[in-house]
Amino acid sequence: MLLAERALVEQLPPGAALLTVTRGPNQGSRFRLDKDLTTTGRHPESDIFLDDITVSRRHVEFYRHRGGQFSVRDVGSLNGTYVNRERIEEVPLHSGDEVQIGKFRLLFLMRGNSGA
């Protein structure tokens, strides 16, 4: 993890996580996951709006479980959702996982219990 990302992760409030766009039209953009449910897609009312034809209008949902763990769930997208290059329907996320939504690649970062 880059020092800039590490500093941002350390500043996150408890129970929040960060998505950083590492590839795609919005490269460098960051999105905070700080709600129990965060919708992502090409629909203008999505919490995370990814404006590209490779992204479905309603593509994925990131959701936070009790205890602070996050999962990602594909909600019927046309092109699928990948975590660490494996197509998924729903999986728990760990800090450092790469989530691919259309042509976007996002790095999932979360403050660990050890502060690392």
PDB file of N, CA and C in Angstrom:
ATOM      1  N   MET A   1       0.851  -1.173   0.000  1.00  0.00           N
ATOM      2  CA  MET A   1       0.000   0.000   0.000  1.00  0.00           C
ATOM      3  C   MET A   1       0.899   1.240   0.000  1.00  0.00           C
ATOM      4  N   LEU A   2       0.539   2.230  -0.801  1.00  0.00           N
ATOM      5  CA  LEU A   2       1.291   3.469  -0.850  1.00  0.00           C
ATOM      6  C   LEU A   2       1.126   4.231   0.457  1.00  0.00           C
ATOM      7  N   LEU A   3       2.116   5.077   0.760  1.00  0.00           N
ATOM      8  CA  LEU A   3       2.044   5.849   1.999  1.00  0.00           C
ATOM      9  C   LEU A   3       0.809   6.735   2.043  1.00  0.00           C
ATOM     10  N   ALA A   4       0.453   7.348   0.903  1.00  0.00           N
ATOM     11  CA  ALA A   4      -0.731   8.219   0.865  1.00  0.00           C
ATOM     12  C   ALA A   4      -1.985   7.425   1.209  1.00  0.00           C
ATOM     13  N   GLU A   5      -2.108   6.219   0.644  1.00  0.00           N
ATOM     14  CA  GLU A   5      -3.266   5.380   0.930  1.00  0.00           C
ATOM     15  C   GLU A   5      -3.262   4.948   2.395  1.00  0.00           C
ATOM     16  N   ARG A   6      -2.093   4.591   2.891  1.00  0.00           N
ATOM     17  CA  ARG A   6      -1.987   4.158   4.293  1.00  0.00           C
ATOM     18  C   ARG A   6      -2.455   5.276   5.231  1.00  0.00           C
ATOM     19  N   ALA A   7      -2.049   6.511   4.939  1.00  0.00           N
ATOM     20  CA  ALA A   7      -2.454   7.647   5.772  1.00  0.00           C
ATOM     21  C   ALA A   7      -3.967   7.847   5.718  1.00  0.00           C
ATOM     22  N   LEU A   8      -4.552   7.723   4.528  1.00  0.00           N
ATOM     23  CA  LEU A   8      -6.005   7.870   4.395  1.00  0.00           C
ATOM     24  C   LEU A   8      -6.747   6.779   5.159  1.00  0.00           C
ATOM     25  N   VAL A   9      -6.248   5.559   5.068  1.00  0.00           N
ATOM     26  CA  VAL A   9      -6.889   4.443   5.764  1.00  0.00           C
ATOM     27  C   VAL A   9      -6.830   4.664   7.273  1.00  0.00           C
ATOM     28  N   GLU A  10      -5.705   5.143   7.769  1.00  0.00           N
ATOM     29  CA  GLU A  10      -5.563   5.372   9.208  1.00  0.00           C
ATOM     30  C   GLU A  10      -6.506   6.465   9.704  1.00  0.00           C
ATOM     31  N   GLN A  11      -6.913   7.379   8.808  1.00  0.00           N
ATOM     32  CA  GLN A  11      -7.809   8.471   9.194  1.00  0.00           C
ATOM     33  C   GLN A  11      -9.285   8.083   9.107  1.00  0.00           C
ATOM     34  N   LEU A  12      -9.571   6.904   8.565  1.00  0.00           N
ATOM     35  CA  LEU A  12     -10.966   6.477   8.443  1.00  0.00           C
ATOM     36  C   LEU A  12     -11.596   6.291   9.819  1.00  0.00           C
ATOM     37  N   PRO A  13     -12.858   6.670   9.950  1.00  0.00           N
ATOM     38  CA  PRO A  13     -13.534   6.382  11.216  1.00  0.00           C
ATOM     39  C   PRO A  13     -13.749   4.881  11.366  1.00  0.00           C
ATOM     40  N   PRO A  14     -13.922   4.395  12.584  1.00  0.00           N
ATOM     41  CA  PRO A  14     -14.178   2.964  12.777  1.00  0.00           C
ATOM     42  C   PRO A  14     -15.380   2.516  11.950  1.00  0.00           C
ATOM     43  N   GLY A  15     -15.268   1.355  11.332  1.00  0.00           N
ATOM     44  CA  GLY A  15     -16.362   0.813  10.541  1.00  0.00           C
ATOM     45  C   GLY A  15     -16.436   1.325   9.119  1.00  0.00           C
ATOM     46  N   ALA A  16     -15.469   2.139   8.694  1.00  0.00           N
ATOM     47  CA  ALA A  16     -15.454   2.656   7.324  1.00  0.00           C
ATOM     48  C   ALA A  16     -14.327   1.997   6.543  1.00  0.00           C
ATOM     49  N   ALA A  17     -14.457   2.025   5.219  1.00  0.00           N
ATOM     50  CA  ALA A  17     -13.427   1.494   4.324  1.00  0.00           C
ATOM     51  C   ALA A  17     -13.291   2.461   3.153  1.00  0.00           C
ATOM     52  N   LEU A  18     -12.301   2.206   2.304  1.00  0.00           N
ATOM     53  CA  LEU A  18     -11.995   3.101   1.195  1.00  0.00           C
ATOM     54  C   LEU A  18     -11.842   2.297  -0.082  1.00  0.00           C
ATOM     55  N   LEU A  19     -12.397   2.810  -1.178  1.00  0.00           N
ATOM     56  CA  LEU A  19     -12.177   2.255  -2.511  1.00  0.00           C
ATOM     57  C   LEU A  19     -11.397   3.283  -3.311  1.00  0.00           C
ATOM     58  N   THR A  20     -10.279   2.864  -3.902  1.00  0.00           N
ATOM     59  CA  THR A  20      -9.476   3.735  -4.749  1.00  0.00           C
ATOM     60  C   THR A  20      -9.484   3.174  -6.158  1.00  0.00           C
ATOM     61  N   VAL A  21      -9.826   4.012  -7.142  1.00  0.00           N
ATOM     62  CA  VAL A  21      -9.842   3.576  -8.538  1.00  0.00           C
ATOM     63  C   VAL A  21      -8.398   3.510  -9.034  1.00  0.00           C
ATOM     64  N   THR A  22      -7.926   2.290  -9.348  1.00  0.00           N
ATOM     65  CA  THR A  22      -6.553   2.108  -9.818  1.00  0.00           C
ATOM     66  C   THR A  22      -6.475   2.000 -11.330  1.00  0.00           C
ATOM     67  N   ARG A  23      -7.615   1.715 -11.978  1.00  0.00           N
ATOM     68  CA  ARG A  23      -7.653   1.657 -13.437  1.00  0.00           C
ATOM     69  C   ARG A  23      -9.057   2.005 -13.894  1.00  0.00           C
ATOM     70  N   GLY A  24      -9.130   2.813 -14.950  1.00  0.00           N
ATOM     71  CA  GLY A  24     -10.427   3.201 -15.497  1.00  0.00           C
ATOM     72  C   GLY A  24     -10.515   4.699 -15.670  1.00  0.00           C
ATOM     73  N   PRO A  25     -11.640   5.169 -16.207  1.00  0.00           N
ATOM     74  CA  PRO A  25     -11.805   6.591 -16.497  1.00  0.00           C
ATOM     75  C   PRO A  25     -11.615   7.510 -15.292  1.00  0.00           C
ATOM     76  N   ASN A  26     -11.936   7.063 -14.100  1.00  0.00           N
ATOM     77  CA  ASN A  26     -11.814   7.897 -12.895  1.00  0.00           C
ATOM     78  C   ASN A  26     -10.570   7.539 -12.087  1.00  0.00           C
ATOM     79  N   GLN A  27      -9.507   7.088 -12.737  1.00  0.00           N
ATOM     80  CA  GLN A  27      -8.315   6.633 -12.020  1.00  0.00           C
ATOM     81  C   GLN A  27      -7.867   7.681 -11.006  1.00  0.00           C
ATOM     82  N   GLY A  28      -7.597   7.223  -9.789  1.00  0.00           N
ATOM     83  CA  GLY A  28      -7.177   8.115  -8.715  1.00  0.00           C
ATOM     84  C   GLY A  28      -8.320   8.559  -7.813  1.00  0.00           C
ATOM     85  N   SER A  29      -9.564   8.393  -8.266  1.00  0.00           N
ATOM     86  CA  SER A  29     -10.713   8.766  -7.430  1.00  0.00           C
ATOM     87  C   SER A  29     -10.805   7.838  -6.228  1.00  0.00           C
ATOM     88  N   ARG A  30     -11.337   8.381  -5.144  1.00  0.00           N
ATOM     89  CA  ARG A  30     -11.507   7.596  -3.922  1.00  0.00           C
ATOM     90  C   ARG A  30     -12.945   7.720  -3.450  1.00  0.00           C
ATOM     91  N   PHE A  31     -13.459   6.619  -2.956  1.00  0.00           N
ATOM     92  CA  PHE A  31     -14.826   6.580  -2.441  1.00  0.00           C
ATOM     93  C   PHE A  31     -14.804   5.964  -1.053  1.00  0.00           C
ATOM     94  N   ARG A  32     -15.428   6.637  -0.096  1.00  0.00           N
ATOM     95  CA  ARG A  32     -15.487   6.113   1.262  1.00  0.00           C
ATOM     96  C   ARG A  32     -16.722   5.231   1.403  1.00  0.00           C
ATOM     97  N   LEU A  33     -16.532   4.066   1.968  1.00  0.00           N
ATOM     98  CA  LEU A  33     -17.642   3.177   2.314  1.00  0.00           C
ATOM     99  C   LEU A  33     -17.904   3.373   3.799  1.00  0.00           C
ATOM    100  N   ASP A  34     -18.941   4.132   4.110  1.00  0.00           N
ATOM    101  CA  ASP A  34     -19.212   4.432   5.518  1.00  0.00           C
ATOM    102  C   ASP A  34     -20.685   4.247   5.876  1.00  0.00           C
ATOM    103  N   LYS A  35     -21.412   3.537   4.988  1.00  0.00           N
ATOM    104  CA  LYS A  35     -22.822   3.219   5.251  1.00  0.00           C
ATOM    105  C   LYS A  35     -22.974   1.702   5.265  1.00  0.00           C
ATOM    106  N   ASP A  36     -24.097   1.234   5.762  1.00  0.00           N
ATOM    107  CA  ASP A  36     -24.340  -0.210   5.772  1.00  0.00           C
ATOM    108  C   ASP A  36     -24.521  -0.761   4.367  1.00  0.00           C
ATOM    109  N   LEU A  37     -25.029   0.063   3.439  1.00  0.00           N
ATOM    110  CA  LEU A  37     -25.229  -0.361   2.054  1.00  0.00           C
ATOM    111  C   LEU A  37     -24.812   0.770   1.128  1.00  0.00           C
ATOM    112  N   THR A  38     -23.923   0.466   0.180  1.00  0.00           N
ATOM    113  CA  THR A  38     -23.469   1.438  -0.813  1.00  0.00           C
ATOM    114  C   THR A  38     -23.717   0.855  -2.190  1.00  0.00           C
ATOM    115  N   THR A  39     -24.582   1.512  -2.975  1.00  0.00           N
ATOM    116  CA  THR A  39     -24.891   1.038  -4.323  1.00  0.00           C
ATOM    117  C   THR A  39     -23.882   1.606  -5.311  1.00  0.00           C
ATOM    118  N   THR A  40     -23.573   0.801  -6.334  1.00  0.00           N
ATOM    119  CA  THR A  40     -22.574   1.192  -7.323  1.00  0.00           C
ATOM    120  C   THR A  40     -23.065   0.810  -8.702  1.00  0.00           C
ATOM    121  N   GLY A  41     -22.939   1.751  -9.646  1.00  0.00           N
ATOM    122  CA  GLY A  41     -23.336   1.463 -11.015  1.00  0.00           C
ATOM    123  C   GLY A  41     -23.380   2.704 -11.874  1.00  0.00           C
ATOM    124  N   ARG A  42     -23.990   2.545 -13.049  1.00  0.00           N
ATOM    125  CA  ARG A  42     -24.082   3.626 -14.026  1.00  0.00           C
ATOM    126  C   ARG A  42     -25.343   4.466 -13.821  1.00  0.00           C
ATOM    127  N   HIS A  43     -26.221   4.044 -12.927  1.00  0.00           N
ATOM    128  CA  HIS A  43     -27.432   4.815 -12.635  1.00  0.00           C
ATOM    129  C   HIS A  43     -27.032   6.101 -11.908  1.00  0.00           C
ATOM    130  N   PRO A  44     -27.542   7.255 -12.352  1.00  0.00           N
ATOM    131  CA  PRO A  44     -27.142   8.528 -11.726  1.00  0.00           C
ATOM    132  C   PRO A  44     -27.419   8.602 -10.228  1.00  0.00           C
ATOM    133  N   GLU A  45     -28.349   7.802  -9.723  1.00  0.00           N
ATOM    134  CA  GLU A  45     -28.654   7.839  -8.294  1.00  0.00           C
ATOM    135  C   GLU A  45     -27.822   6.849  -7.479  1.00  0.00           C
ATOM    136  N   SER A  46     -26.875   6.160  -8.120  1.00  0.00           N
ATOM    137  CA  SER A  46     -25.988   5.245  -7.386  1.00  0.00           C
ATOM    138  C   SER A  46     -25.143   6.041  -6.405  1.00  0.00           C
ATOM    139  N   ASP A  47     -24.840   5.431  -5.263  1.00  0.00           N
ATOM    140  CA  ASP A  47     -23.941   6.084  -4.303  1.00  0.00           C
ATOM    141  C   ASP A  47     -22.565   6.301  -4.923  1.00  0.00           C
ATOM    142  N   ILE A  48     -22.079   5.287  -5.655  1.00  0.00           N
ATOM    143  CA  ILE A  48     -20.826   5.408  -6.408  1.00  0.00           C
ATOM    144  C   ILE A  48     -21.202   5.308  -7.876  1.00  0.00           C
ATOM    145  N   PHE A  49     -21.100   6.424  -8.583  1.00  0.00           N
ATOM    146  CA  PHE A  49     -21.505   6.531  -9.983  1.00  0.00           C
ATOM    147  C   PHE A  49     -20.283   6.283 -10.863  1.00  0.00           C
ATOM    148  N   LEU A  50     -20.312   5.188 -11.633  1.00  0.00           N
ATOM    149  CA  LEU A  50     -19.230   4.846 -12.559  1.00  0.00           C
ATOM    150  C   LEU A  50     -19.792   4.953 -13.972  1.00  0.00           C
ATOM    151  N   ASP A  51     -19.461   6.033 -14.646  1.00  0.00           N
ATOM    152  CA  ASP A  51     -20.063   6.367 -15.932  1.00  0.00           C
ATOM    153  C   ASP A  51     -19.289   5.739 -17.084  1.00  0.00           C
ATOM    154  N   ASP A  52     -19.616   4.493 -17.389  1.00  0.00           N
ATOM    155  CA  ASP A  52     -19.008   3.807 -18.527  1.00  0.00           C
ATOM    156  C   ASP A  52     -19.962   2.705 -18.969  1.00  0.00           C
ATOM    157  N   ILE A  53     -20.029   2.466 -20.275  1.00  0.00           N
ATOM    158  CA  ILE A  53     -20.962   1.487 -20.845  1.00  0.00           C
ATOM    159  C   ILE A  53     -20.683   0.064 -20.351  1.00  0.00           C
ATOM    160  N   THR A  54     -19.456  -0.220 -19.867  1.00  0.00           N
ATOM    161  CA  THR A  54     -19.124  -1.558 -19.367  1.00  0.00           C
ATOM    162  C   THR A  54     -19.699  -1.811 -17.970  1.00  0.00           C
ATOM    163  N   VAL A  55     -20.267  -0.774 -17.368  1.00  0.00           N
ATOM    164  CA  VAL A  55     -20.853  -0.868 -16.030  1.00  0.00           C
ATOM    165  C   VAL A  55     -22.373  -0.886 -16.170  1.00  0.00           C
ATOM    166  N   SER A  56     -23.026  -1.838 -15.516  1.00  0.00           N
ATOM    167  CA  SER A  56     -24.489  -1.891 -15.531  1.00  0.00           C
ATOM    168  C   SER A  56     -25.066  -0.750 -14.695  1.00  0.00           C
ATOM    169  N   ARG A  57     -26.312  -0.400 -14.995  1.00  0.00           N
ATOM    170  CA  ARG A  57     -26.952   0.692 -14.246  1.00  0.00           C
ATOM    171  C   ARG A  57     -26.956   0.383 -12.748  1.00  0.00           C
ATOM    172  N   ARG A  58     -27.278  -0.828 -12.401  1.00  0.00           N
ATOM    173  CA  ARG A  58     -27.160  -1.294 -11.011  1.00  0.00           C
ATOM    174  C   ARG A  58     -26.226  -2.496 -11.057  1.00  0.00           C
ATOM    175  N   HIS A  59     -24.992  -2.304 -10.650  1.00  0.00           N
ATOM    176  CA  HIS A  59     -23.954  -3.316 -10.875  1.00  0.00           C
ATOM    177  C   HIS A  59     -23.640  -4.110  -9.604  1.00  0.00           C
ATOM    178  N   VAL A  60     -23.220  -3.416  -8.551  1.00  0.00           N
ATOM    179  CA  VAL A  60     -22.876  -4.103  -7.295  1.00  0.00           C
ATOM    180  C   VAL A  60     -23.364  -3.311  -6.095  1.00  0.00           C
ATOM    181  N   GLU A  61     -23.409  -4.015  -4.975  1.00  0.00           N
ATOM    182  CA  GLU A  61     -23.665  -3.392  -3.681  1.00  0.00           C
ATOM    183  C   GLU A  61     -22.529  -3.789  -2.743  1.00  0.00           C
ATOM    184  N   PHE A  62     -22.006  -2.801  -2.050  1.00  0.00           N
ATOM    185  CA  PHE A  62     -21.056  -3.052  -0.973  1.00  0.00           C
ATOM    186  C   PHE A  62     -21.861  -2.932   0.309  1.00  0.00           C
ATOM    187  N   TYR A  63     -21.743  -3.917   1.176  1.00  0.00           N
ATOM    188  CA  TYR A  63     -22.481  -3.795   2.421  1.00  0.00           C
ATOM    189  C   TYR A  63     -21.620  -4.184   3.604  1.00  0.00           C
ATOM    190  N   ARG A  64     -21.937  -3.504   4.710  1.00  0.00           N
ATOM    191  CA  ARG A  64     -21.172  -3.661   5.945  1.00  0.00           C
ATOM    192  C   ARG A  64     -21.969  -4.518   6.911  1.00  0.00           C
ATOM    193  N   HIS A  65     -21.312  -5.536   7.426  1.00  0.00           N
ATOM    194  CA  HIS A  65     -21.927  -6.433   8.410  1.00  0.00           C
ATOM    195  C   HIS A  65     -21.702  -5.879   9.810  1.00  0.00           C
ATOM    196  N   ARG A  66     -22.435  -6.429  10.750  1.00  0.00           N
ATOM    197  CA  ARG A  66     -22.165  -6.140  12.149  1.00  0.00           C
ATOM    198  C   ARG A  66     -20.734  -6.568  12.436  1.00  0.00           C
ATOM    199  N   GLY A  67     -19.994  -5.762  13.119  1.00  0.00           N
ATOM    200  CA  GLY A  67     -18.601  -6.078  13.381  1.00  0.00           C
ATOM    201  C   GLY A  67     -17.657  -5.396  12.402  1.00  0.00           C
ATOM    202  N   GLY A  68     -18.213  -4.742  11.370  1.00  0.00           N
ATOM    203  CA  GLY A  68     -17.383  -3.943  10.481  1.00  0.00           C
ATOM    204  C   GLY A  68     -16.865  -4.616   9.231  1.00  0.00           C
ATOM    205  N   GLN A  69     -17.083  -5.916   9.056  1.00  0.00           N
ATOM    206  CA  GLN A  69     -16.629  -6.613   7.841  1.00  0.00           C
ATOM    207  C   GLN A  69     -17.479  -6.168   6.657  1.00  0.00           C
ATOM    208  N   PHE A  70     -16.844  -6.010   5.480  1.00  0.00           N
ATOM    209  CA  PHE A  70     -17.558  -5.639   4.258  1.00  0.00           C
ATOM    210  C   PHE A  70     -17.631  -6.814   3.301  1.00  0.00           C
ATOM    211  N   SER A  71     -18.702  -6.823   2.504  1.00  0.00           N
ATOM    212  CA  SER A  71     -18.860  -7.782   1.411  1.00  0.00           C
ATOM    213  C   SER A  71     -19.279  -7.015   0.172  1.00  0.00           C
ATOM    214  N   VAL A  72     -19.070  -7.647  -0.985  1.00  0.00           N
ATOM    215  CA  VAL A  72     -19.539  -7.087  -2.249  1.00  0.00           C
ATOM    216  C   VAL A  72     -20.452  -8.123  -2.889  1.00  0.00           C
ATOM    217  N   ARG A  73     -21.554  -7.633  -3.474  1.00  0.00           N
ATOM    218  CA  ARG A  73     -22.532  -8.522  -4.098  1.00  0.00           C
ATOM    219  C   ARG A  73     -22.874  -7.979  -5.479  1.00  0.00           C
ATOM    220  N   ASP A  74     -22.731  -8.832  -6.504  1.00  0.00           N
ATOM    221  CA  ASP A  74     -23.168  -8.480  -7.852  1.00  0.00           C
ATOM    222  C   ASP A  74     -24.694  -8.553  -7.863  1.00  0.00           C
ATOM    223  N   VAL A  75     -25.336  -7.530  -8.410  1.00  0.00           N
ATOM    224  CA  VAL A  75     -26.803  -7.497  -8.401  1.00  0.00           C
ATOM    225  C   VAL A  75     -27.368  -7.694  -9.811  1.00  0.00           C
ATOM    226  N   GLY A  76     -26.792  -8.667 -10.532  1.00  0.00           N
ATOM    227  CA  GLY A  76     -27.305  -9.020 -11.853  1.00  0.00           C
ATOM    228  C   GLY A  76     -26.693  -8.232 -12.989  1.00  0.00           C
ATOM    229  N   SER A  77     -25.439  -7.836 -12.845  1.00  0.00           N
ATOM    230  CA  SER A  77     -24.781  -7.058 -13.900  1.00  0.00           C
ATOM    231  C   SER A  77     -24.570  -7.910 -15.148  1.00  0.00           C
ATOM    232  N   LEU A  78     -24.478  -7.248 -16.289  1.00  0.00           N
ATOM    233  CA  LEU A  78     -24.264  -7.939 -17.557  1.00  0.00           C
ATOM    234  C   LEU A  78     -22.833  -8.470 -17.675  1.00  0.00           C
ATOM    235  N   ASN A  79     -21.847  -7.650 -17.314  1.00  0.00           N
ATOM    236  CA  ASN A  79     -20.440  -8.014 -17.496  1.00  0.00           C
ATOM    237  C   ASN A  79     -19.808  -8.686 -16.289  1.00  0.00           C
ATOM    238  N   GLY A  80     -20.547  -8.822 -15.213  1.00  0.00           N
ATOM    239  CA  GLY A  80     -20.013  -9.501 -14.040  1.00  0.00           C
ATOM    240  C   GLY A  80     -19.161  -8.603 -13.163  1.00  0.00           C
ATOM    241  N   THR A  81     -18.835  -9.135 -12.011  1.00  0.00           N
ATOM    242  CA  THR A  81     -17.993  -8.471 -11.028  1.00  0.00           C
ATOM    243  C   THR A  81     -16.897  -9.453 -10.645  1.00  0.00           C
ATOM    244  N   TYR A  82     -15.688  -8.942 -10.497  1.00  0.00           N
ATOM    245  CA  TYR A  82     -14.534  -9.788 -10.203  1.00  0.00           C
ATOM    246  C   TYR A  82     -13.835  -9.268  -8.955  1.00  0.00           C
ATOM    247  N   VAL A  83     -13.419 -10.180  -8.103  1.00  0.00           N
ATOM    248  CA  VAL A  83     -12.581  -9.844  -6.957  1.00  0.00           C
ATOM    249  C   VAL A  83     -11.315 -10.661  -7.099  1.00  0.00           C
ATOM    250  N   ASN A  84     -10.194  -9.960  -7.155  1.00  0.00           N
ATOM    251  CA  ASN A  84      -8.891 -10.597  -7.372  1.00  0.00           C
ATOM    252  C   ASN A  84      -8.933 -11.512  -8.601  1.00  0.00           C
ATOM    253  N   ARG A  85      -9.558 -11.010  -9.659  1.00  0.00           N
ATOM    254  CA  ARG A  85      -9.651 -11.632 -10.987  1.00  0.00           C
ATOM    255  C   ARG A  85     -10.528 -12.878 -11.053  1.00  0.00           C
ATOM    256  N   GLU A  86     -11.322 -13.125 -10.022  1.00  0.00           N
ATOM    257  CA  GLU A  86     -12.262 -14.247 -10.043  1.00  0.00           C
ATOM    258  C   GLU A  86     -13.679 -13.699 -10.048  1.00  0.00           C
ATOM    259  N   ARG A  87     -14.496 -14.205 -10.981  1.00  0.00           N
ATOM    260  CA  ARG A  87     -15.886 -13.745 -11.064  1.00  0.00           C
ATOM    261  C   ARG A  87     -16.632 -14.172  -9.802  1.00  0.00           C
ATOM    262  N   ILE A  88     -17.401 -13.247  -9.268  1.00  0.00           N
ATOM    263  CA  ILE A  88     -18.095 -13.509  -8.000  1.00  0.00           C
ATOM    264  C   ILE A  88     -19.581 -13.173  -8.115  1.00  0.00           C
ATOM    265  N   GLU A  89     -20.336 -13.715  -7.186  1.00  0.00           N
ATOM    266  CA  GLU A  89     -21.714 -13.268  -6.972  1.00  0.00           C
ATOM    267  C   GLU A  89     -21.772 -12.475  -5.675  1.00  0.00           C
ATOM    268  N   GLU A  90     -21.115 -13.025  -4.645  1.00  0.00           N
ATOM    269  CA  GLU A  90     -21.049 -12.352  -3.353  1.00  0.00           C
ATOM    270  C   GLU A  90     -19.865 -12.917  -2.581  1.00  0.00           C
ATOM    271  N   VAL A  91     -19.001 -12.038  -2.082  1.00  0.00           N
ATOM    272  CA  VAL A  91     -17.846 -12.476  -1.291  1.00  0.00           C
ATOM    273  C   VAL A  91     -17.518 -11.434  -0.226  1.00  0.00           C
ATOM    274  N   PRO A  92     -16.931 -11.889   0.893  1.00  0.00           N
ATOM    275  CA  PRO A  92     -16.403 -10.936   1.866  1.00  0.00           C
ATOM    276  C   PRO A  92     -15.146 -10.279   1.294  1.00  0.00           C
ATOM    277  N   LEU A  93     -14.896  -9.042   1.691  1.00  0.00           N
ATOM    278  CA  LEU A  93     -13.719  -8.310   1.223  1.00  0.00           C
ATOM    279  C   LEU A  93     -12.686  -8.190   2.332  1.00  0.00           C
ATOM    280  N   HIS A  94     -11.425  -8.193   1.911  1.00  0.00           N
ATOM    281  CA  HIS A  94     -10.301  -8.006   2.822  1.00  0.00           C
ATOM    282  C   HIS A  94      -9.456  -6.859   2.294  1.00  0.00           C
ATOM    283  N   SER A  95      -8.825  -6.132   3.188  1.00  0.00           N
ATOM    284  CA  SER A  95      -8.002  -5.005   2.773  1.00  0.00           C
ATOM    285  C   SER A  95      -6.961  -5.462   1.758  1.00  0.00           C
ATOM    286  N   GLY A  96      -6.874  -4.736   0.647  1.00  0.00           N
ATOM    287  CA  GLY A  96      -5.944  -5.081  -0.422  1.00  0.00           C
ATOM    288  C   GLY A  96      -6.598  -5.811  -1.582  1.00  0.00           C
ATOM    289  N   ASP A  97      -7.868  -6.220  -1.443  1.00  0.00           N
ATOM    290  CA  ASP A  97      -8.570  -6.890  -2.539  1.00  0.00           C
ATOM    291  C   ASP A  97      -8.803  -5.921  -3.694  1.00  0.00           C
ATOM    292  N   GLU A  98      -8.742  -6.461  -4.915  1.00  0.00           N
ATOM    293  CA  GLU A  98      -9.042  -5.674  -6.110  1.00  0.00           C
ATOM    294  C   GLU A  98     -10.425  -6.069  -6.615  1.00  0.00           C
ATOM    295  N   VAL A  99     -11.300  -5.081  -6.754  1.00  0.00           N
ATOM    296  CA  VAL A  99     -12.660  -5.296  -7.249  1.00  0.00           C
ATOM    297  C   VAL A  99     -12.734  -4.717  -8.654  1.00  0.00           C
ATOM    298  N   GLN A 100     -13.149  -5.544  -9.628  1.00  0.00           N
ATOM    299  CA  GLN A 100     -13.290  -5.068 -10.999  1.00  0.00           C
ATOM    300  C   GLN A 100     -14.768  -4.960 -11.340  1.00  0.00           C
ATOM    301  N   ILE A 101     -15.159  -3.756 -11.760  1.00  0.00           N
ATOM    302  CA  ILE A 101     -16.529  -3.442 -12.165  1.00  0.00           C
ATOM    303  C   ILE A 101     -16.425  -2.838 -13.556  1.00  0.00           C
ATOM    304  N   GLY A 102     -16.803  -3.603 -14.585  1.00  0.00           N
ATOM    305  CA  GLY A 102     -16.590  -3.134 -15.954  1.00  0.00           C
ATOM    306  C   GLY A 102     -15.108  -2.912 -16.177  1.00  0.00           C
ATOM    307  N   LYS A 103     -14.757  -1.761 -16.762  1.00  0.00           N
ATOM    308  CA  LYS A 103     -13.333  -1.487 -16.987  1.00  0.00           C
ATOM    309  C   LYS A 103     -12.658  -0.819 -15.788  1.00  0.00           C
ATOM    310  N   PHE A 104     -13.406  -0.610 -14.714  1.00  0.00           N
ATOM    311  CA  PHE A 104     -12.853  -0.001 -13.503  1.00  0.00           C
ATOM    312  C   PHE A 104     -12.241  -1.073 -12.608  1.00  0.00           C
ATOM    313  N   ARG A 105     -11.064  -0.769 -12.079  1.00  0.00           N
ATOM    314  CA  ARG A 105     -10.461  -1.609 -11.038  1.00  0.00           C
ATOM    315  C   ARG A 105     -10.318  -0.756  -9.797  1.00  0.00           C
ATOM    316  N   LEU A 106     -10.825  -1.272  -8.700  1.00  0.00           N
ATOM    317  CA  LEU A 106     -10.837  -0.529  -7.448  1.00  0.00           C
ATOM    318  C   LEU A 106     -10.122  -1.327  -6.367  1.00  0.00           C
ATOM    319  N   LEU A 107      -9.300  -0.650  -5.610  1.00  0.00           N
ATOM    320  CA  LEU A 107      -8.580  -1.265  -4.502  1.00  0.00           C
ATOM    321  C   LEU A 107      -9.383  -1.024  -3.230  1.00  0.00           C
ATOM    322  N   PHE A 108      -9.734  -2.112  -2.539  1.00  0.00           N
ATOM    323  CA  PHE A 108     -10.486  -2.029  -1.288  1.00  0.00           C
ATOM    324  C   PHE A 108      -9.494  -1.944  -0.138  1.00  0.00           C
ATOM    325  N   LEU A 109      -9.621  -0.907   0.676  1.00  0.00           N
ATOM    326  CA  LEU A 109      -8.720  -0.710   1.810  1.00  0.00           C
ATOM    327  C   LEU A 109      -9.530  -0.486   3.074  1.00  0.00           C
ATOM    328  N   MET A 110      -9.100  -1.155   4.128  1.00  0.00           N
ATOM    329  CA  MET A 110      -9.800  -1.062   5.401  1.00  0.00           C
ATOM    330  C   MET A 110      -8.774  -1.068   6.516  1.00  0.00           C
ATOM    331  N   ARG A 111      -9.034  -0.280   7.526  1.00  0.00           N
ATOM    332  CA  ARG A 111      -8.123  -0.240   8.661  1.00  0.00           C
ATOM    333  C   ARG A 111      -8.210  -1.556   9.411  1.00  0.00           C
ATOM    334  N   GLY A 112      -7.070  -2.181   9.628  1.00  0.00           N
ATOM    335  CA  GLY A 112      -7.043  -3.453  10.347  1.00  0.00           C
ATOM    336  C   GLY A 112      -7.064  -3.237  11.838  1.00  0.00           C
ATOM    337  N   ASN A 113      -7.318  -4.310  12.561  1.00  0.00           N
ATOM    338  CA  ASN A 113      -7.333  -4.237  14.022  1.00  0.00           C
ATOM    339  C   ASN A 113      -5.985  -3.837  14.581  1.00  0.00           C
ATOM    340  N   SER A 114      -4.917  -4.180  13.833  1.00  0.00           N
ATOM    341  CA  SER A 114      -3.577  -3.862  14.310  1.00  0.00           C
ATOM    342  C   SER A 114      -3.155  -2.457  13.911  1.00  0.00           C
ATOM    343  N   GLY A 115      -3.997  -1.760  13.111  1.00  0.00           N
ATOM    344  CA  GLY A 115      -3.651  -0.422  12.660  1.00  0.00           C
ATOM    345  C   GLY A 115      -2.784  -0.427  11.434  1.00  0.00           C
ATOM    346  N   ALA A 116      -2.566  -1.601  10.809  1.00  0.00           N
ATOM    347  CA  ALA A 116      -1.712  -1.679   9.628  1.00  0.00           C
ATOM    348  C   ALA A 116      -2.519  -1.509   8.366  1.00  0.00           C
TER     349      ALA A 116
END
